[in-house]
């Protein structure tokens, strides 16, 4: 019945490293995902844990607005994905006056929490119209 979304944009974690962490929690219960993220050694686990906590708070607000009872144990991570954000281009001086480019990549991370009946109705990521 309740679905909530939390998104963080332009976070200074490479998308490849963030996807490793997001793959750990996809489909799990929200409380269990927070426990997994708390002890995950990757540096991306801290901002993703904050994002899951924010999505849980958003679900509580949505449930209060709709007048629906919500237990935190009912929430599962219906969708979680990482998109590539802006790339900051920096230059490192090298020998003989050359310069090498350093790419500092960023990520857009999205987490969608839902109750089990809502998650079964909408299991996949939404497709854009007109795309292939």
C-alpha atoms as a PDB file:
ATOM      1  CA  UNK A   1       0.000   0.000   0.000  1.00  0.00           C
ATOM      2  CA  UNK A   2       2.801   2.405   0.836  1.00  0.00           C
ATOM      3  CA  UNK A   3       5.664   3.190  -1.517  1.00  0.00           C
ATOM      4  CA  UNK A   4       8.404   5.700  -0.802  1.00  0.00           C
ATOM      5  CA  UNK A   5      11.374   6.957  -2.766  1.00  0.00           C
ATOM      6  CA  UNK A   6      14.672   8.454  -1.660  1.00  0.00           C
ATOM      7  CA  UNK A   7      17.319   9.726  -4.019  1.00  0.00           C
ATOM      8  CA  UNK A   8      20.780  11.219  -3.617  1.00  0.00           C
ATOM      9  CA  UNK A   9      22.406  12.940  -6.556  1.00  0.00           C
ATOM     10  CA  UNK A  10      26.021  13.765  -7.413  1.00  0.00           C
ATOM     11  CA  UNK A  11      27.511  11.817  -4.528  1.00  0.00           C
ATOM     12  CA  UNK A  12      31.295  11.374  -4.793  1.00  0.00           C
ATOM     13  CA  UNK A  13      31.290   7.588  -5.124  1.00  0.00           C
ATOM     14  CA  UNK A  14      31.978   5.899  -8.420  1.00  0.00           C
ATOM     15  CA  UNK A  15      28.900   4.152  -9.839  1.00  0.00           C
ATOM     16  CA  UNK A  16      30.716   0.840 -10.163  1.00  0.00           C
ATOM     17  CA  UNK A  17      31.613   0.771  -6.469  1.00  0.00           C
ATOM     18  CA  UNK A  18      28.152   1.925  -5.409  1.00  0.00           C
ATOM     19  CA  UNK A  19      26.487  -0.816  -7.471  1.00  0.00           C
ATOM     20  CA  UNK A  20      28.437  -3.449  -5.531  1.00  0.00           C
ATOM     21  CA  UNK A  21      26.847  -2.211  -2.315  1.00  0.00           C
ATOM     22  CA  UNK A  22      23.358  -1.708  -3.750  1.00  0.00           C
ATOM     23  CA  UNK A  23      23.386  -5.292  -5.060  1.00  0.00           C
ATOM     24  CA  UNK A  24      23.851  -6.497  -1.464  1.00  0.00           C
ATOM     25  CA  UNK A  25      20.564  -4.976  -0.280  1.00  0.00           C
ATOM     26  CA  UNK A  26      18.224  -5.210  -3.279  1.00  0.00           C
ATOM     27  CA  UNK A  27      15.073  -7.188  -2.383  1.00  0.00           C
ATOM     28  CA  UNK A  28      15.842  -7.367   1.343  1.00  0.00           C
ATOM     29  CA  UNK A  29      13.795  -6.068   4.241  1.00  0.00           C
ATOM     30  CA  UNK A  30      14.671  -2.439   5.074  1.00  0.00           C
ATOM     31  CA  UNK A  31      15.758  -3.186   8.662  1.00  0.00           C
ATOM     32  CA  UNK A  32      17.886  -6.114   7.499  1.00  0.00           C
ATOM     33  CA  UNK A  33      19.451  -3.924   4.801  1.00  0.00           C
ATOM     34  CA  UNK A  34      20.470  -1.346   7.416  1.00  0.00           C
ATOM     35  CA  UNK A  35      22.160  -4.114   9.414  1.00  0.00           C
ATOM     36  CA  UNK A  36      24.020  -5.358   6.344  1.00  0.00           C
ATOM     37  CA  UNK A  37      25.145  -1.838   5.423  1.00  0.00           C
ATOM     38  CA  UNK A  38      26.318  -1.078   8.955  1.00  0.00           C
ATOM     39  CA  UNK A  39      28.949  -3.816   8.770  1.00  0.00           C
ATOM     40  CA  UNK A  40      29.811  -3.663   5.076  1.00  0.00           C
ATOM     41  CA  UNK A  41      33.462  -2.630   4.623  1.00  0.00           C
ATOM     42  CA  UNK A  42      32.880  -0.549   1.471  1.00  0.00           C
ATOM     43  CA  UNK A  43      32.976   3.219   1.802  1.00  0.00           C
ATOM     44  CA  UNK A  44      29.747   3.588  -0.208  1.00  0.00           C
ATOM     45  CA  UNK A  45      27.779   1.705   2.449  1.00  0.00           C
ATOM     46  CA  UNK A  46      27.490   4.717   4.796  1.00  0.00           C
ATOM     47  CA  UNK A  47      25.703   7.083   2.364  1.00  0.00           C
ATOM     48  CA  UNK A  48      23.503   4.234   1.115  1.00  0.00           C
ATOM     49  CA  UNK A  49      22.530   3.410   4.712  1.00  0.00           C
ATOM     50  CA  UNK A  50      21.542   7.050   5.209  1.00  0.00           C
ATOM     51  CA  UNK A  51      19.519   6.842   2.009  1.00  0.00           C
ATOM     52  CA  UNK A  52      17.636   3.732   3.166  1.00  0.00           C
ATOM     53  CA  UNK A  53      16.920   5.406   6.520  1.00  0.00           C
ATOM     54  CA  UNK A  54      15.608   8.447   4.653  1.00  0.00           C
ATOM     55  CA  UNK A  55      13.344   6.267   2.509  1.00  0.00           C
ATOM     56  CA  UNK A  56      11.983   4.648   5.689  1.00  0.00           C
ATOM     57  CA  UNK A  57      11.205   8.087   7.119  1.00  0.00           C
ATOM     58  CA  UNK A  58       9.529   9.058   3.843  1.00  0.00           C
ATOM     59  CA  UNK A  59       7.377   5.907   4.073  1.00  0.00           C
ATOM     60  CA  UNK A  60       6.294   6.843   7.601  1.00  0.00           C
ATOM     61  CA  UNK A  61       5.291  10.325   6.446  1.00  0.00           C
ATOM     62  CA  UNK A  62       3.406   8.927   3.453  1.00  0.00           C
ATOM     63  CA  UNK A  63       1.578   6.404   5.651  1.00  0.00           C
ATOM     64  CA  UNK A  64       0.594   9.129   8.131  1.00  0.00           C
ATOM     65  CA  UNK A  65      -0.650  11.322   5.293  1.00  0.00           C
ATOM     66  CA  UNK A  66      -2.782   8.507   3.877  1.00  0.00           C
ATOM     67  CA  UNK A  67      -3.956   7.362   7.324  1.00  0.00           C
ATOM     68  CA  UNK A  68      -2.487   3.870   6.918  1.00  0.00           C
ATOM     69  CA  UNK A  69      -0.789   1.868   9.679  1.00  0.00           C
ATOM     70  CA  UNK A  70       2.815   1.093   8.785  1.00  0.00           C
ATOM     71  CA  UNK A  71       5.251  -1.173  10.562  1.00  0.00           C
ATOM     72  CA  UNK A  72       8.939  -0.720   9.691  1.00  0.00           C
ATOM     73  CA  UNK A  73       9.312  -4.511   9.533  1.00  0.00           C
ATOM     74  CA  UNK A  74       6.919  -4.600   6.553  1.00  0.00           C
ATOM     75  CA  UNK A  75       9.047  -2.426   4.277  1.00  0.00           C
ATOM     76  CA  UNK A  76      11.202  -4.110   1.657  1.00  0.00           C
ATOM     77  CA  UNK A  77      13.554  -2.610  -0.904  1.00  0.00           C
ATOM     78  CA  UNK A  78      11.485  -2.926  -4.063  1.00  0.00           C
ATOM     79  CA  UNK A  79      13.960  -1.165  -6.364  1.00  0.00           C
ATOM     80  CA  UNK A  80      17.472   0.158  -5.871  1.00  0.00           C
ATOM     81  CA  UNK A  81      19.711   1.365  -8.646  1.00  0.00           C
ATOM     82  CA  UNK A  82      22.737   3.542  -9.330  1.00  0.00           C
ATOM     83  CA  UNK A  83      23.063   5.873 -12.297  1.00  0.00           C
ATOM     84  CA  UNK A  84      26.162   7.720 -13.417  1.00  0.00           C
ATOM     85  CA  UNK A  85      26.326  11.388 -12.437  1.00  0.00           C
ATOM     86  CA  UNK A  86      28.621  14.186 -13.482  1.00  0.00           C
ATOM     87  CA  UNK A  87      32.304  13.483 -13.994  1.00  0.00           C
ATOM     88  CA  UNK A  88      34.683  16.054 -12.557  1.00  0.00           C
ATOM     89  CA  UNK A  89      37.727  16.349 -14.796  1.00  0.00           C
ATOM     90  CA  UNK A  90      41.006  17.200 -13.082  1.00  0.00           C
ATOM     91  CA  UNK A  91      44.561  17.285 -14.391  1.00  0.00           C
ATOM     92  CA  UNK A  92      47.731  15.860 -12.837  1.00  0.00           C
ATOM     93  CA  UNK A  93      51.096  17.269 -13.907  1.00  0.00           C
ATOM     94  CA  UNK A  94      53.443  14.708 -15.405  1.00  0.00           C
ATOM     95  CA  UNK A  95      56.997  14.642 -16.730  1.00  0.00           C
ATOM     96  CA  UNK A  96      58.185  16.939 -19.540  1.00  0.00           C
ATOM     97  CA  UNK A  97      55.289  19.384 -19.225  1.00  0.00           C
ATOM     98  CA  UNK A  98      52.560  16.898 -19.944  1.00  0.00           C
ATOM     99  CA  UNK A  99      49.269  16.624 -18.085  1.00  0.00           C
ATOM    100  CA  UNK A 100      47.214  13.488 -17.489  1.00  0.00           C
ATOM    101  CA  UNK A 101      43.479  13.692 -16.907  1.00  0.00           C
ATOM    102  CA  UNK A 102      41.947  12.329 -13.701  1.00  0.00           C
ATOM    103  CA  UNK A 103      38.209  11.556 -13.826  1.00  0.00           C
ATOM    104  CA  UNK A 104      36.401  11.961 -10.497  1.00  0.00           C
ATOM    105  CA  UNK A 105      33.112  10.192 -11.036  1.00  0.00           C
ATOM    106  CA  UNK A 106      29.847  10.798  -9.190  1.00  0.00           C
ATOM    107  CA  UNK A 107      26.662   8.772  -8.791  1.00  0.00           C
ATOM    108  CA  UNK A 108      22.910   9.217  -8.559  1.00  0.00           C
ATOM    109  CA  UNK A 109      21.544   6.558  -6.171  1.00  0.00           C
ATOM    110  CA  UNK A 110      17.816   5.776  -5.909  1.00  0.00           C
ATOM    111  CA  UNK A 111      16.100   3.514  -3.372  1.00  0.00           C
ATOM    112  CA  UNK A 112      12.372   2.659  -3.484  1.00  0.00           C
ATOM    113  CA  UNK A 113      10.766   1.004  -0.462  1.00  0.00           C
ATOM    114  CA  UNK A 114       7.365  -0.660  -0.594  1.00  0.00           C
ATOM    115  CA  UNK A 115       5.163  -2.959   1.409  1.00  0.00           C
ATOM    116  CA  UNK A 116       5.144  -6.551   0.084  1.00  0.00           C
ATOM    117  CA  UNK A 117       1.783  -6.256  -1.732  1.00  0.00           C
ATOM    118  CA  UNK A 118       2.935  -3.046  -3.487  1.00  0.00           C
ATOM    119  CA  UNK A 119       6.316  -4.555  -4.418  1.00  0.00           C
ATOM    120  CA  UNK A 120       4.721  -7.555  -6.132  1.00  0.00           C
ATOM    121  CA  UNK A 121       2.547  -5.303  -8.306  1.00  0.00           C
ATOM    122  CA  UNK A 122       5.486  -3.196  -9.559  1.00  0.00           C
ATOM    123  CA  UNK A 123       8.636  -5.377  -9.444  1.00  0.00           C
ATOM    124  CA  UNK A 124      10.885  -3.797 -12.092  1.00  0.00           C
ATOM    125  CA  UNK A 125      12.344  -0.434 -12.869  1.00  0.00           C
ATOM    126  CA  UNK A 126      10.014   1.734 -14.949  1.00  0.00           C
ATOM    127  CA  UNK A 127      10.815   1.918 -18.644  1.00  0.00           C
ATOM    128  CA  UNK A 128      10.877   5.240 -20.464  1.00  0.00           C
ATOM    129  CA  UNK A 129       8.434   5.679 -23.313  1.00  0.00           C
ATOM    130  CA  UNK A 130       9.859   5.847 -26.800  1.00  0.00           C
ATOM    131  CA  UNK A 131      13.098   4.037 -25.880  1.00  0.00           C
ATOM    132  CA  UNK A 132      14.380   0.808 -27.290  1.00  0.00           C
END
